[in-house]
Amino acid sequence: MQTRLTNKFRQAPERILICVPWFYEVQGAEADGRPLKVQDGRLILTPSTRAVKIKGSIKPGTPELSYENAVRDYKKEYRARYQEFLRTGQVRR
């Protein structure tokens, strides 16, 4: 992935954070041609950064992520919670 930043800030931030999703393995990253390291799951950029390149891939074993799967899993979870409520009268939080 490659992107360019315009850096047109009214008030420049101290830094720009790019959060790396839990399912993505960064194999290399650069900001304006200089190498970046992932720190605590984030790439940290200076406000003057103009170009960012990130190389990587989805981690093996990552479940298929889609809207349909998210809705299916949501319905499954809340069906189970409702059934538990009907059975016990208790609300799980």
C-alpha atoms as a PDB file:
ATOM      1  CA  MET A   1       0.000   0.000   0.000  1.00  0.00           C
ATOM      2  CA  GLN A   2       1.220   3.458  -0.795  1.00  0.00           C
ATOM      3  CA  THR A   3      -0.311   6.833   0.038  1.00  0.00           C
ATOM      4  CA  ARG A   4       0.555  10.504  -0.124  1.00  0.00           C
ATOM      5  CA  LEU A   5      -0.277  13.034   2.578  1.00  0.00           C
ATOM      6  CA  THR A   6      -1.096  16.671   1.843  1.00  0.00           C
ATOM      7  CA  ASN A   7      -0.091  17.981   5.294  1.00  0.00           C
ATOM      8  CA  LYS A   8      -2.441  20.960   5.139  1.00  0.00           C
ATOM      9  CA  PHE A   9      -3.108  21.351   8.846  1.00  0.00           C
ATOM     10  CA  ARG A  10      -4.650  24.350  10.583  1.00  0.00           C
ATOM     11  CA  GLN A  11      -2.699  23.233  13.603  1.00  0.00           C
ATOM     12  CA  ALA A  12      -0.141  20.490  13.028  1.00  0.00           C
ATOM     13  CA  PRO A  13      -0.417  17.451  15.310  1.00  0.00           C
ATOM     14  CA  GLU A  14       2.555  16.187  17.318  1.00  0.00           C
ATOM     15  CA  ARG A  15       2.490  12.987  15.289  1.00  0.00           C
ATOM     16  CA  ILE A  16       0.354  10.937  12.930  1.00  0.00           C
ATOM     17  CA  LEU A  17      -0.501   7.378  13.954  1.00  0.00           C
ATOM     18  CA  ILE A  18      -1.380   4.585  11.556  1.00  0.00           C
ATOM     19  CA  CYS A  19      -2.870   1.647  13.456  1.00  0.00           C
ATOM     20  CA  VAL A  20      -1.991  -1.742  12.013  1.00  0.00           C
ATOM     21  CA  PRO A  21      -4.980  -4.117  12.094  1.00  0.00           C
ATOM     22  CA  TRP A  22      -4.561  -7.238  14.239  1.00  0.00           C
ATOM     23  CA  PHE A  23      -4.833  -9.452  11.149  1.00  0.00           C
ATOM     24  CA  TYR A  24      -2.109  -7.694   9.121  1.00  0.00           C
ATOM     25  CA  GLU A  25       1.600  -8.552   9.174  1.00  0.00           C
ATOM     26  CA  VAL A  26       3.793  -5.578   8.243  1.00  0.00           C
ATOM     27  CA  GLN A  27       6.908  -6.780   6.424  1.00  0.00           C
ATOM     28  CA  GLY A  28       8.287  -3.325   5.784  1.00  0.00           C
ATOM     29  CA  ALA A  29       7.288   0.314   5.994  1.00  0.00           C
ATOM     30  CA  GLU A  30       8.775   3.620   4.857  1.00  0.00           C
ATOM     31  CA  ALA A  31       7.991   7.267   5.467  1.00  0.00           C
ATOM     32  CA  ASP A  32       9.491   9.549   2.840  1.00  0.00           C
ATOM     33  CA  GLY A  33      11.924   6.775   1.891  1.00  0.00           C
ATOM     34  CA  ARG A  34      13.135   6.169   5.473  1.00  0.00           C
ATOM     35  CA  PRO A  35      12.384   2.856   7.205  1.00  0.00           C
ATOM     36  CA  LEU A  36       9.687   2.738   9.881  1.00  0.00           C
ATOM     37  CA  LYS A  37       9.153   0.173  12.619  1.00  0.00           C
ATOM     38  CA  VAL A  38       5.830  -0.920  14.033  1.00  0.00           C
ATOM     39  CA  GLN A  39       5.627   0.235  17.663  1.00  0.00           C
ATOM     40  CA  ASP A  40       2.775  -1.107  19.818  1.00  0.00           C
ATOM     41  CA  GLY A  41       0.796  -1.996  16.699  1.00  0.00           C
ATOM     42  CA  ARG A  42       1.215   1.449  15.148  1.00  0.00           C
ATOM     43  CA  LEU A  43       3.347   3.309  12.679  1.00  0.00           C
ATOM     44  CA  ILE A  44       4.305   6.734  14.023  1.00  0.00           C
ATOM     45  CA  LEU A  45       4.840   9.538  11.507  1.00  0.00           C
ATOM     46  CA  THR A  46       5.935  13.128  11.842  1.00  0.00           C
ATOM     47  CA  PRO A  47       3.457  15.765  10.629  1.00  0.00           C
ATOM     48  CA  SER A  48       5.847  16.652   7.802  1.00  0.00           C
ATOM     49  CA  THR A  49       5.653  13.136   6.295  1.00  0.00           C
ATOM     50  CA  ARG A  50       4.547  13.289   2.659  1.00  0.00           C
ATOM     51  CA  ALA A  51       4.612   9.651   1.466  1.00  0.00           C
ATOM     52  CA  VAL A  52       4.048   6.334   3.239  1.00  0.00           C
ATOM     53  CA  LYS A  53       4.659   2.834   1.855  1.00  0.00           C
ATOM     54  CA  ILE A  54       3.614  -0.297   3.741  1.00  0.00           C
ATOM     55  CA  LYS A  55       4.410  -3.828   2.574  1.00  0.00           C
ATOM     56  CA  GLY A  56       2.800  -6.839   4.174  1.00  0.00           C
ATOM     57  CA  SER A  57       0.071  -9.433   4.032  1.00  0.00           C
ATOM     58  CA  ILE A  58      -2.900 -10.815   5.893  1.00  0.00           C
ATOM     59  CA  LYS A  59      -1.748 -13.216   8.609  1.00  0.00           C
ATOM     60  CA  PRO A  60      -2.328 -16.931   7.988  1.00  0.00           C
ATOM     61  CA  GLY A  61      -5.377 -18.295   9.770  1.00  0.00           C
ATOM     62  CA  THR A  62      -7.235 -14.979   9.717  1.00  0.00           C
ATOM     63  CA  PRO A  63     -10.964 -15.636   9.408  1.00  0.00           C
ATOM     64  CA  GLU A  64     -12.680 -14.281   6.324  1.00  0.00           C
ATOM     65  CA  LEU A  65     -13.792 -10.775   7.204  1.00  0.00           C
ATOM     66  CA  SER A  66     -16.941  -9.503   5.535  1.00  0.00           C
ATOM     67  CA  TYR A  67     -20.120  -7.640   6.326  1.00  0.00           C
ATOM     68  CA  GLU A  68     -22.160 -10.825   5.902  1.00  0.00           C
ATOM     69  CA  ASN A  69     -19.952 -12.747   8.367  1.00  0.00           C
ATOM     70  CA  ALA A  70     -20.074  -9.909  10.890  1.00  0.00           C
ATOM     71  CA  VAL A  71     -23.895  -9.794  10.745  1.00  0.00           C
ATOM     72  CA  ARG A  72     -24.114 -13.588  11.015  1.00  0.00           C
ATOM     73  CA  ASP A  73     -21.811 -13.634  14.055  1.00  0.00           C
ATOM     74  CA  TYR A  74     -23.710 -10.722  15.659  1.00  0.00           C
ATOM     75  CA  LYS A  75     -27.050 -12.495  15.237  1.00  0.00           C
ATOM     76  CA  LYS A  76     -25.605 -15.736  16.588  1.00  0.00           C
ATOM     77  CA  GLU A  77     -24.181 -14.037  19.696  1.00  0.00           C
ATOM     78  CA  TYR A  78     -27.331 -12.087  20.506  1.00  0.00           C
ATOM     79  CA  ARG A  79     -29.585 -15.081  19.832  1.00  0.00           C
ATOM     80  CA  ALA A  80     -27.529 -16.972  22.442  1.00  0.00           C
ATOM     81  CA  ARG A  81     -27.796 -14.042  24.885  1.00  0.00           C
ATOM     82  CA  TYR A  82     -31.559 -13.846  24.397  1.00  0.00           C
ATOM     83  CA  GLN A  83     -31.946 -17.587  24.908  1.00  0.00           C
ATOM     84  CA  GLU A  84     -29.905 -17.311  28.129  1.00  0.00           C
ATOM     85  CA  PHE A  85     -32.117 -14.431  29.288  1.00  0.00           C
ATOM     86  CA  LEU A  86     -35.268 -16.449  28.611  1.00  0.00           C
ATOM     87  CA  ARG A  87     -33.813 -19.410  30.501  1.00  0.00           C
ATOM     88  CA  THR A  88     -32.328 -17.564  33.512  1.00  0.00           C
ATOM     89  CA  GLY A  89     -33.759 -14.042  33.518  1.00  0.00           C
ATOM     90  CA  GLN A  90     -30.165 -12.766  33.764  1.00  0.00           C
ATOM     91  CA  VAL A  91     -28.679 -10.189  31.414  1.00  0.00           C
ATOM     92  CA  ARG A  92     -25.053 -10.823  30.436  1.00  0.00           C
ATOM     93  CA  ARG A  93     -22.983  -7.675  29.977  1.00  0.00           C
END
